[in-house]
Amino acid sequence: MFSNALTLWTGALLILSVSLWSCTTADCCLTTSDRRIPQRVVMSFTIQTGDGACRIPATIFVTKKGLKLCAPFPSKNNWVSKLIDYILKHRQQ
């Protein structure tokens, strides 16, 4: 009887640990800032869509120091579009 209870407990613990281990967290912008980011500090960018795990559309700029800065979606802000164009242009050189 004790062996069956121990087996059941071990199985439940294994299932719980696997389910917790497999959960991943999304690295999302929760808000954006309209404050302009200087070109000289930005290395790259990614676009965050508002679907899936991330709830708002945003542009994530990564600085030379590895900081992630959340800016508005490019279509909503002109300086964001210009900064993206600058990064793409200088990435090819």
PDB file of N, CA and C in Angstrom:
ATOM      1  N   MET A   1       0.825  -1.192   0.000  1.00  0.00           N
ATOM      2  CA  MET A   1       0.000   0.000   0.000  1.00  0.00           C
ATOM      3  C   MET A   1       0.875   1.264   0.000  1.00  0.00           C
ATOM      4  N   PHE A   2       1.896   1.239   0.835  1.00  0.00           N
ATOM      5  CA  PHE A   2       2.801   2.382   0.916  1.00  0.00           C
ATOM      6  C   PHE A   2       3.532   2.582  -0.407  1.00  0.00           C
ATOM      7  N   SER A   3       3.903   1.504  -1.055  1.00  0.00           N
ATOM      8  CA  SER A   3       4.618   1.563  -2.325  1.00  0.00           C
ATOM      9  C   SER A   3       3.758   2.201  -3.406  1.00  0.00           C
ATOM     10  N   ASN A   4       2.469   1.871  -3.460  1.00  0.00           N
ATOM     11  CA  ASN A   4       1.560   2.461  -4.451  1.00  0.00           C
ATOM     12  C   ASN A   4       1.377   3.958  -4.215  1.00  0.00           C
ATOM     13  N   ALA A   5       1.251   4.360  -2.973  1.00  0.00           N
ATOM     14  CA  ALA A   5       1.091   5.777  -2.650  1.00  0.00           C
ATOM     15  C   ALA A   5       2.357   6.552  -3.012  1.00  0.00           C
ATOM     16  N   LEU A   6       3.499   5.948  -2.748  1.00  0.00           N
ATOM     17  CA  LEU A   6       4.768   6.596  -3.075  1.00  0.00           C
ATOM     18  C   LEU A   6       4.939   6.726  -4.584  1.00  0.00           C
ATOM     19  N   THR A   7       4.552   5.701  -5.324  1.00  0.00           N
ATOM     20  CA  THR A   7       4.630   5.741  -6.782  1.00  0.00           C
ATOM     21  C   THR A   7       3.701   6.814  -7.335  1.00  0.00           C
ATOM     22  N   LEU A   8       2.497   6.880  -6.802  1.00  0.00           N
ATOM     23  CA  LEU A   8       1.532   7.898  -7.236  1.00  0.00           C
ATOM     24  C   LEU A   8       2.059   9.300  -6.931  1.00  0.00           C
ATOM     25  N   TRP A   9       2.606   9.497  -5.750  1.00  0.00           N
ATOM     26  CA  TRP A   9       3.153  10.797  -5.345  1.00  0.00           C
ATOM     27  C   TRP A   9       4.336  11.187  -6.235  1.00  0.00           C
ATOM     28  N   THR A  10       5.208  10.244  -6.526  1.00  0.00           N
ATOM     29  CA  THR A  10       6.363  10.503  -7.385  1.00  0.00           C
ATOM     30  C   THR A  10       5.922  10.865  -8.794  1.00  0.00           C
ATOM     31  N   GLY A  11       4.923  10.153  -9.313  1.00  0.00           N
ATOM     32  CA  GLY A  11       4.399  10.452 -10.648  1.00  0.00           C
ATOM     33  C   GLY A  11       3.785  11.839 -10.713  1.00  0.00           C
ATOM     34  N   ALA A  12       3.014  12.199  -9.698  1.00  0.00           N
ATOM     35  CA  ALA A  12       2.391  13.527  -9.666  1.00  0.00           C
ATOM     36  C   ALA A  12       3.450  14.622  -9.584  1.00  0.00           C
ATOM     37  N   LEU A  13       4.467  14.389  -8.787  1.00  0.00           N
ATOM     38  CA  LEU A  13       5.551  15.362  -8.657  1.00  0.00           C
ATOM     39  C   LEU A  13       6.317  15.513  -9.967  1.00  0.00           C
ATOM     40  N   LEU A  14       6.532  14.422 -10.664  1.00  0.00           N
ATOM     41  CA  LEU A  14       7.219  14.457 -11.952  1.00  0.00           C
ATOM     42  C   LEU A  14       6.409  15.243 -12.981  1.00  0.00           C
ATOM     43  N   ILE A  15       5.112  14.996 -13.046  1.00  0.00           N
ATOM     44  CA  ILE A  15       4.244  15.721 -13.989  1.00  0.00           C
ATOM     45  C   ILE A  15       4.238  17.211 -13.669  1.00  0.00           C
ATOM     46  N   LEU A  16       4.151  17.556 -12.401  1.00  0.00           N
ATOM     47  CA  LEU A  16       4.153  18.960 -11.999  1.00  0.00           C
ATOM     48  C   LEU A  16       5.469  19.640 -12.368  1.00  0.00           C
ATOM     49  N   SER A  17       6.585  18.979 -12.104  1.00  0.00           N
ATOM     50  CA  SER A  17       7.878  19.605 -12.407  1.00  0.00           C
ATOM     51  C   SER A  17       8.087  19.770 -13.907  1.00  0.00           C
ATOM     52  N   VAL A  18       7.644  18.814 -14.712  1.00  0.00           N
ATOM     53  CA  VAL A  18       7.774  18.929 -16.163  1.00  0.00           C
ATOM     54  C   VAL A  18       6.903  20.060 -16.687  1.00  0.00           C
ATOM     55  N   SER A  19       5.693  20.188 -16.164  1.00  0.00           N
ATOM     56  CA  SER A  19       4.810  21.259 -16.642  1.00  0.00           C
ATOM     57  C   SER A  19       5.340  22.633 -16.248  1.00  0.00           C
ATOM     58  N   LEU A  20       5.914  22.762 -15.076  1.00  0.00           N
ATOM     59  CA  LEU A  20       6.488  24.049 -14.668  1.00  0.00           C
ATOM     60  C   LEU A  20       7.759  24.349 -15.445  1.00  0.00           C
ATOM     61  N   TRP A  21       8.561  23.353 -15.733  1.00  0.00           N
ATOM     62  CA  TRP A  21       9.817  23.532 -16.456  1.00  0.00           C
ATOM     63  C   TRP A  21       9.569  23.970 -17.886  1.00  0.00           C
ATOM     64  N   SER A  22       8.485  23.482 -18.497  1.00  0.00           N
ATOM     65  CA  SER A  22       8.226  23.771 -19.902  1.00  0.00           C
ATOM     66  C   SER A  22       7.580  25.134 -20.127  1.00  0.00           C
ATOM     67  N   CYS A  23       7.126  25.778 -19.087  1.00  0.00           N
ATOM     68  CA  CYS A  23       6.517  27.100 -19.237  1.00  0.00           C
ATOM     69  C   CYS A  23       7.601  28.116 -19.576  1.00  0.00           C
ATOM     70  N   THR A  24       7.338  28.928 -20.576  1.00  0.00           N
ATOM     71  CA  THR A  24       8.282  29.978 -20.935  1.00  0.00           C
ATOM     72  C   THR A  24       7.607  31.324 -20.757  1.00  0.00           C
ATOM     73  N   THR A  25       8.379  32.299 -20.405  1.00  0.00           N
ATOM     74  CA  THR A  25       7.836  33.639 -20.276  1.00  0.00           C
ATOM     75  C   THR A  25       8.231  34.446 -21.499  1.00  0.00           C
ATOM     76  N   ALA A  26       7.322  35.274 -21.935  1.00  0.00           N
ATOM     77  CA  ALA A  26       7.592  36.123 -23.091  1.00  0.00           C
ATOM     78  C   ALA A  26       8.243  37.417 -22.611  1.00  0.00           C
ATOM     79  N   ASP A  27       9.212  37.887 -23.346  1.00  0.00           N
ATOM     80  CA  ASP A  27       9.885  39.141 -23.039  1.00  0.00           C
ATOM     81  C   ASP A  27       9.192  40.224 -23.856  1.00  0.00           C
ATOM     82  N   CYS A  28       8.216  40.890 -23.251  1.00  0.00           N
ATOM     83  CA  CYS A  28       7.363  41.838 -23.969  1.00  0.00           C
ATOM     84  C   CYS A  28       7.468  43.241 -23.396  1.00  0.00           C
ATOM     85  N   CYS A  29       7.208  44.205 -24.263  1.00  0.00           N
ATOM     86  CA  CYS A  29       7.021  45.582 -23.806  1.00  0.00           C
ATOM     87  C   CYS A  29       5.599  45.692 -23.265  1.00  0.00           C
ATOM     88  N   LEU A  30       5.466  46.199 -22.063  1.00  0.00           N
ATOM     89  CA  LEU A  30       4.143  46.413 -21.491  1.00  0.00           C
ATOM     90  C   LEU A  30       3.645  47.820 -21.780  1.00  0.00           C
ATOM     91  N   THR A  31       4.589  48.743 -21.936  1.00  0.00           N
ATOM     92  CA  THR A  31       4.274  50.122 -22.313  1.00  0.00           C
ATOM     93  C   THR A  31       5.363  50.608 -23.266  1.00  0.00           C
ATOM     94  N   THR A  32       5.092  51.725 -23.926  1.00  0.00           N
ATOM     95  CA  THR A  32       6.097  52.329 -24.801  1.00  0.00           C
ATOM     96  C   THR A  32       6.326  53.773 -24.370  1.00  0.00           C
ATOM     97  N   SER A  33       7.449  54.314 -24.797  1.00  0.00           N
ATOM     98  CA  SER A  33       7.785  55.696 -24.483  1.00  0.00           C
ATOM     99  C   SER A  33       7.969  56.476 -25.776  1.00  0.00           C
ATOM    100  N   ASP A  34       7.470  57.705 -25.805  1.00  0.00           N
ATOM    101  CA  ASP A  34       7.637  58.575 -26.968  1.00  0.00           C
ATOM    102  C   ASP A  34       8.971  59.321 -26.940  1.00  0.00           C
ATOM    103  N   ARG A  35       9.747  59.117 -25.896  1.00  0.00           N
ATOM    104  CA  ARG A  35      11.048  59.789 -25.779  1.00  0.00           C
ATOM    105  C   ARG A  35      11.996  59.257 -26.852  1.00  0.00           C
ATOM    106  N   ARG A  36      12.589  60.153 -27.611  1.00  0.00           N
ATOM    107  CA  ARG A  36      13.483  59.762 -28.705  1.00  0.00           C
ATOM    108  C   ARG A  36      14.743  59.089 -28.176  1.00  0.00           C
ATOM    109  N   ILE A  37      15.183  58.095 -28.926  1.00  0.00           N
ATOM    110  CA  ILE A  37      16.387  57.352 -28.571  1.00  0.00           C
ATOM    111  C   ILE A  37      17.496  57.785 -29.526  1.00  0.00           C
ATOM    112  N   PRO A  38      18.660  58.192 -29.019  1.00  0.00           N
ATOM    113  CA  PRO A  38      19.749  58.629 -29.898  1.00  0.00           C
ATOM    114  C   PRO A  38      20.252  57.490 -30.790  1.00  0.00           C
ATOM    115  N   GLN A  39      20.537  57.821 -32.040  1.00  0.00           N
ATOM    116  CA  GLN A  39      21.023  56.825 -33.003  1.00  0.00           C
ATOM    117  C   GLN A  39      22.313  56.169 -32.535  1.00  0.00           C
ATOM    118  N   ARG A  40      23.174  56.932 -31.898  1.00  0.00           N
ATOM    119  CA  ARG A  40      24.506  56.436 -31.543  1.00  0.00           C
ATOM    120  C   ARG A  40      24.473  55.302 -30.509  1.00  0.00           C
ATOM    121  N   VAL A  41      23.364  55.139 -29.784  1.00  0.00           N
ATOM    122  CA  VAL A  41      23.328  54.100 -28.750  1.00  0.00           C
ATOM    123  C   VAL A  41      22.640  52.813 -29.204  1.00  0.00           C
ATOM    124  N   VAL A  42      21.969  52.843 -30.349  1.00  0.00           N
ATOM    125  CA  VAL A  42      21.165  51.697 -30.784  1.00  0.00           C
ATOM    126  C   VAL A  42      21.965  50.775 -31.696  1.00  0.00           C
ATOM    127  N   MET A  43      21.868  49.467 -31.435  1.00  0.00           N
ATOM    128  CA  MET A  43      22.538  48.466 -32.273  1.00  0.00           C
ATOM    129  C   MET A  43      21.560  47.712 -33.168  1.00  0.00           C
ATOM    130  N   SER A  44      20.383  47.389 -32.629  1.00  0.00           N
ATOM    131  CA  SER A  44      19.430  46.593 -33.390  1.00  0.00           C
ATOM    132  C   SER A  44      18.016  46.874 -32.898  1.00  0.00           C
ATOM    133  N   PHE A  45      17.063  46.215 -33.539  1.00  0.00           N
ATOM    134  CA  PHE A  45      15.669  46.378 -33.144  1.00  0.00           C
ATOM    135  C   PHE A  45      14.895  45.119 -33.505  1.00  0.00           C
ATOM    136  N   THR A  46      13.756  44.958 -32.861  1.00  0.00           N
ATOM    137  CA  THR A  46      12.783  43.934 -33.239  1.00  0.00           C
ATOM    138  C   THR A  46      11.406  44.569 -33.169  1.00  0.00           C
ATOM    139  N   ILE A  47      10.492  44.000 -33.925  1.00  0.00           N
ATOM    140  CA  ILE A  47       9.109  44.479 -33.915  1.00  0.00           C
ATOM    141  C   ILE A  47       8.278  43.515 -33.084  1.00  0.00           C
ATOM    142  N   GLN A  48       7.544  44.058 -32.135  1.00  0.00           N
ATOM    143  CA  GLN A  48       6.636  43.271 -31.310  1.00  0.00           C
ATOM    144  C   GLN A  48       5.222  43.493 -31.822  1.00  0.00           C
ATOM    145  N   THR A  49       4.587  42.434 -32.263  1.00  0.00           N
ATOM    146  CA  THR A  49       3.199  42.555 -32.706  1.00  0.00           C
ATOM    147  C   THR A  49       2.287  42.433 -31.493  1.00  0.00           C
ATOM    148  N   GLY A  50       1.088  42.867 -31.616  1.00  0.00           N
ATOM    149  CA  GLY A  50       0.157  42.844 -30.497  1.00  0.00           C
ATOM    150  C   GLY A  50      -0.573  41.530 -30.316  1.00  0.00           C
ATOM    151  N   ASP A  51      -0.211  40.522 -31.085  1.00  0.00           N
ATOM    152  CA  ASP A  51      -0.886  39.231 -30.934  1.00  0.00           C
ATOM    153  C   ASP A  51       0.004  38.263 -30.162  1.00  0.00           C
ATOM    154  N   GLY A  52      -0.534  37.163 -29.787  1.00  0.00           N
ATOM    155  CA  GLY A  52       0.244  36.177 -29.039  1.00  0.00           C
ATOM    156  C   GLY A  52       0.410  36.583 -27.587  1.00  0.00           C
ATOM    157  N   ALA A  53       1.588  36.336 -27.046  1.00  0.00           N
ATOM    158  CA  ALA A  53       1.837  36.598 -25.633  1.00  0.00           C
ATOM    159  C   ALA A  53       1.968  38.088 -25.324  1.00  0.00           C
ATOM    160  N   CYS A  54       2.421  38.866 -26.293  1.00  0.00           N
ATOM    161  CA  CYS A  54       2.605  40.305 -26.090  1.00  0.00           C
ATOM    162  C   CYS A  54       1.338  41.041 -26.516  1.00  0.00           C
ATOM    163  N   ARG A  55       0.830  41.890 -25.655  1.00  0.00           N
ATOM    164  CA  ARG A  55      -0.491  42.479 -25.879  1.00  0.00           C
ATOM    165  C   ARG A  55      -0.500  43.789 -26.656  1.00  0.00           C
ATOM    166  N   ILE A  56       0.630  44.485 -26.729  1.00  0.00           N
ATOM    167  CA  ILE A  56       0.644  45.760 -27.446  1.00  0.00           C
ATOM    168  C   ILE A  56       1.673  45.721 -28.567  1.00  0.00           C
ATOM    169  N   PRO A  57       1.396  46.390 -29.684  1.00  0.00           N
ATOM    170  CA  PRO A  57       2.420  46.498 -30.725  1.00  0.00           C
ATOM    171  C   PRO A  57       3.484  47.507 -30.286  1.00  0.00           C
ATOM    172  N   ALA A  58       4.741  47.183 -30.558  1.00  0.00           N
ATOM    173  CA  ALA A  58       5.835  48.061 -30.132  1.00  0.00           C
ATOM    174  C   ALA A  58       7.080  47.777 -30.964  1.00  0.00           C
ATOM    175  N   THR A  59       8.045  48.674 -30.841  1.00  0.00           N
ATOM    176  CA  THR A  59       9.367  48.483 -31.416  1.00  0.00           C
ATOM    177  C   THR A  59      10.336  48.366 -30.254  1.00  0.00           C
ATOM    178  N   ILE A  60      11.132  47.304 -30.244  1.00  0.00           N
ATOM    179  CA  ILE A  60      12.105  47.098 -29.173  1.00  0.00           C
ATOM    180  C   ILE A  60      13.492  47.401 -29.731  1.00  0.00           C
ATOM    181  N   PHE A  61      14.091  48.479 -29.255  1.00  0.00           N
ATOM    182  CA  PHE A  61      15.444  48.844 -29.658  1.00  0.00           C
ATOM    183  C   PHE A  61      16.425  48.282 -28.631  1.00  0.00           C
ATOM    184  N   VAL A  62      17.510  47.686 -29.118  1.00  0.00           N
ATOM    185  CA  VAL A  62      18.545  47.140 -28.241  1.00  0.00           C
ATOM    186  C   VAL A  62      19.758  48.057 -28.330  1.00  0.00           C
ATOM    187  N   THR A  63      20.210  48.539 -27.174  1.00  0.00           N
ATOM    188  CA  THR A  63      21.343  49.464 -27.136  1.00  0.00           C
ATOM    189  C   THR A  63      22.669  48.700 -27.159  1.00  0.00           C
ATOM    190  N   LYS A  64      23.750  49.434 -27.314  1.00  0.00           N
ATOM    191  CA  LYS A  64      25.089  48.839 -27.316  1.00  0.00           C
ATOM    192  C   LYS A  64      25.417  48.191 -25.976  1.00  0.00           C
ATOM    193  N   LYS A  65      24.759  48.639 -24.915  1.00  0.00           N
ATOM    194  CA  LYS A  65      24.960  48.059 -23.584  1.00  0.00           C
ATOM    195  C   LYS A  65      24.004  46.900 -23.311  1.00  0.00           C
ATOM    196  N   GLY A  66      23.155  46.573 -24.295  1.00  0.00           N
ATOM    197  CA  GLY A  66      22.243  45.442 -24.141  1.00  0.00           C
ATOM    198  C   GLY A  66      20.895  45.778 -23.528  1.00  0.00           C
ATOM    199  N   LEU A  67      20.631  47.051 -23.309  1.00  0.00           N
ATOM    200  CA  LEU A  67      19.335  47.449 -22.763  1.00  0.00           C
ATOM    201  C   LEU A  67      18.265  47.354 -23.841  1.00  0.00           C
ATOM    202  N   LYS A  68      17.062  46.976 -23.445  1.00  0.00           N
ATOM    203  CA  LYS A  68      15.937  46.921 -24.373  1.00  0.00           C
ATOM    204  C   LYS A  68      15.007  48.087 -24.064  1.00  0.00           C
ATOM    205  N   LEU A  69      14.803  48.940 -25.069  1.00  0.00           N
ATOM    206  CA  LEU A  69      13.977  50.133 -24.912  1.00  0.00           C
ATOM    207  C   LEU A  69      12.730  49.987 -25.770  1.00  0.00           C
ATOM    208  N   CYS A  70      11.576  50.223 -25.185  1.00  0.00           N
ATOM    209  CA  CYS A  70      10.301  50.043 -25.870  1.00  0.00           C
ATOM    210  C   CYS A  70       9.798  51.365 -26.430  1.00  0.00           C
ATOM    211  N   ALA A  71       9.618  51.379 -27.735  1.00  0.00           N
ATOM    212  CA  ALA A  71       9.132  52.567 -28.446  1.00  0.00           C
ATOM    213  C   ALA A  71       7.828  52.206 -29.156  1.00  0.00           C
ATOM    214  N   PRO A  72       7.088  53.224 -29.600  1.00  0.00           N
ATOM    215  CA  PRO A  72       5.841  52.944 -30.315  1.00  0.00           C
ATOM    216  C   PRO A  72       6.078  52.160 -31.603  1.00  0.00           C
ATOM    217  N   PHE A  73       5.016  51.577 -32.119  1.00  0.00           N
ATOM    218  CA  PHE A  73       5.053  50.868 -33.395  1.00  0.00           C
ATOM    219  C   PHE A  73       5.451  51.860 -34.482  1.00  0.00           C
ATOM    220  N   PRO A  74       6.240  51.461 -35.486  1.00  0.00           N
ATOM    221  CA  PRO A  74       6.756  52.410 -36.493  1.00  0.00           C
ATOM    222  C   PRO A  74       5.681  53.220 -37.204  1.00  0.00           C
ATOM    223  N   SER A  75       4.546  52.623 -37.497  1.00  0.00           N
ATOM    224  CA  SER A  75       3.504  53.351 -38.225  1.00  0.00           C
ATOM    225  C   SER A  75       2.857  54.438 -37.373  1.00  0.00           C
ATOM    226  N   LYS A  76       3.062  54.384 -36.063  1.00  0.00           N
ATOM    227  CA  LYS A  76       2.445  55.363 -35.171  1.00  0.00           C
ATOM    228  C   LYS A  76       3.370  56.515 -34.800  1.00  0.00           C
ATOM    229  N   ASN A  77       4.645  56.427 -35.209  1.00  0.00           N
ATOM    230  CA  ASN A  77       5.585  57.461 -34.802  1.00  0.00           C
ATOM    231  C   ASN A  77       6.688  57.618 -35.848  1.00  0.00           C
ATOM    232  N   ASN A  78       6.874  58.835 -36.335  1.00  0.00           N
ATOM    233  CA  ASN A  78       7.821  59.104 -37.413  1.00  0.00           C
ATOM    234  C   ASN A  78       9.277  58.885 -36.999  1.00  0.00           C
ATOM    235  N   TRP A  79       9.672  59.281 -35.792  1.00  0.00           N
ATOM    236  CA  TRP A  79      11.067  59.127 -35.392  1.00  0.00           C
ATOM    237  C   TRP A  79      11.456  57.659 -35.279  1.00  0.00           C
ATOM    238  N   VAL A  80      10.496  56.806 -34.944  1.00  0.00           N
ATOM    239  CA  VAL A  80      10.773  55.370 -34.859  1.00  0.00           C
ATOM    240  C   VAL A  80      11.090  54.825 -36.252  1.00  0.00           C
ATOM    241  N   SER A  81      10.300  55.216 -37.236  1.00  0.00           N
ATOM    242  CA  SER A  81      10.541  54.779 -38.622  1.00  0.00           C
ATOM    243  C   SER A  81      11.903  55.248 -39.119  1.00  0.00           C
ATOM    244  N   LYS A  82      12.256  56.489 -38.805  1.00  0.00           N
ATOM    245  CA  LYS A  82      13.556  57.020 -39.227  1.00  0.00           C
ATOM    246  C   LYS A  82      14.715  56.284 -38.556  1.00  0.00           C
ATOM    247  N   LEU A  83      14.557  55.936 -37.294  1.00  0.00           N
ATOM    248  CA  LEU A  83      15.613  55.212 -36.586  1.00  0.00           C
ATOM    249  C   LEU A  83      15.766  53.793 -37.139  1.00  0.00           C
ATOM    250  N   ILE A  84      14.671  53.156 -37.476  1.00  0.00           N
ATOM    251  CA  ILE A  84      14.727  51.825 -38.098  1.00  0.00           C
ATOM    252  C   ILE A  84      15.437  51.903 -39.446  1.00  0.00           C
ATOM    253  N   ASP A  85      15.089  52.896 -40.252  1.00  0.00           N
ATOM    254  CA  ASP A  85      15.755  53.080 -41.550  1.00  0.00           C
ATOM    255  C   ASP A  85      17.257  53.284 -41.372  1.00  0.00           C
ATOM    256  N   TYR A  86      17.637  54.072 -40.383  1.00  0.00           N
ATOM    257  CA  TYR A  86      19.051  54.327 -40.093  1.00  0.00           C
ATOM    258  C   TYR A  86      19.775  53.026 -39.731  1.00  0.00           C
ATOM    259  N   ILE A  87      19.156  52.221 -38.872  1.00  0.00           N
ATOM    260  CA  ILE A  87      19.771  50.955 -38.453  1.00  0.00           C
ATOM    261  C   ILE A  87      19.927  50.018 -39.644  1.00  0.00           C
ATOM    262  N   LEU A  88      18.900  49.899 -40.454  1.00  0.00           N
ATOM    263  CA  LEU A  88      18.960  49.011 -41.619  1.00  0.00           C
ATOM    264  C   LEU A  88      20.016  49.467 -42.620  1.00  0.00           C
ATOM    265  N   LYS A  89      20.121  50.768 -42.808  1.00  0.00           N
ATOM    266  CA  LYS A  89      21.099  51.318 -43.747  1.00  0.00           C
ATOM    267  C   LYS A  89      22.526  51.052 -43.267  1.00  0.00           C
ATOM    268  N   HIS A  90      22.780  51.254 -41.988  1.00  0.00           N
ATOM    269  CA  HIS A  90      24.133  51.100 -41.455  1.00  0.00           C
ATOM    270  C   HIS A  90      24.491  49.641 -41.173  1.00  0.00           C
ATOM    271  N   ARG A  91      23.511  48.783 -41.088  1.00  0.00           N
ATOM    272  CA  ARG A  91      23.769  47.361 -40.881  1.00  0.00           C
ATOM    273  C   ARG A  91      24.379  46.739 -42.135  1.00  0.00           C
ATOM    274  N   GLN A  92      24.009  47.251 -43.307  1.00  0.00           N
ATOM    275  CA  GLN A  92      24.487  46.709 -44.575  1.00  0.00           C
ATOM    276  C   GLN A  92      25.917  47.139 -44.882  1.00  0.00           C
ATOM    277  N   GLN A  93      26.412  48.168 -44.249  1.00  0.00           N
ATOM    278  CA  GLN A  93      27.756  48.686 -44.544  1.00  0.00           C
ATOM    279  C   GLN A  93      28.828  47.937 -43.794  1.00  0.00           C
TER     280      GLN A  93
END
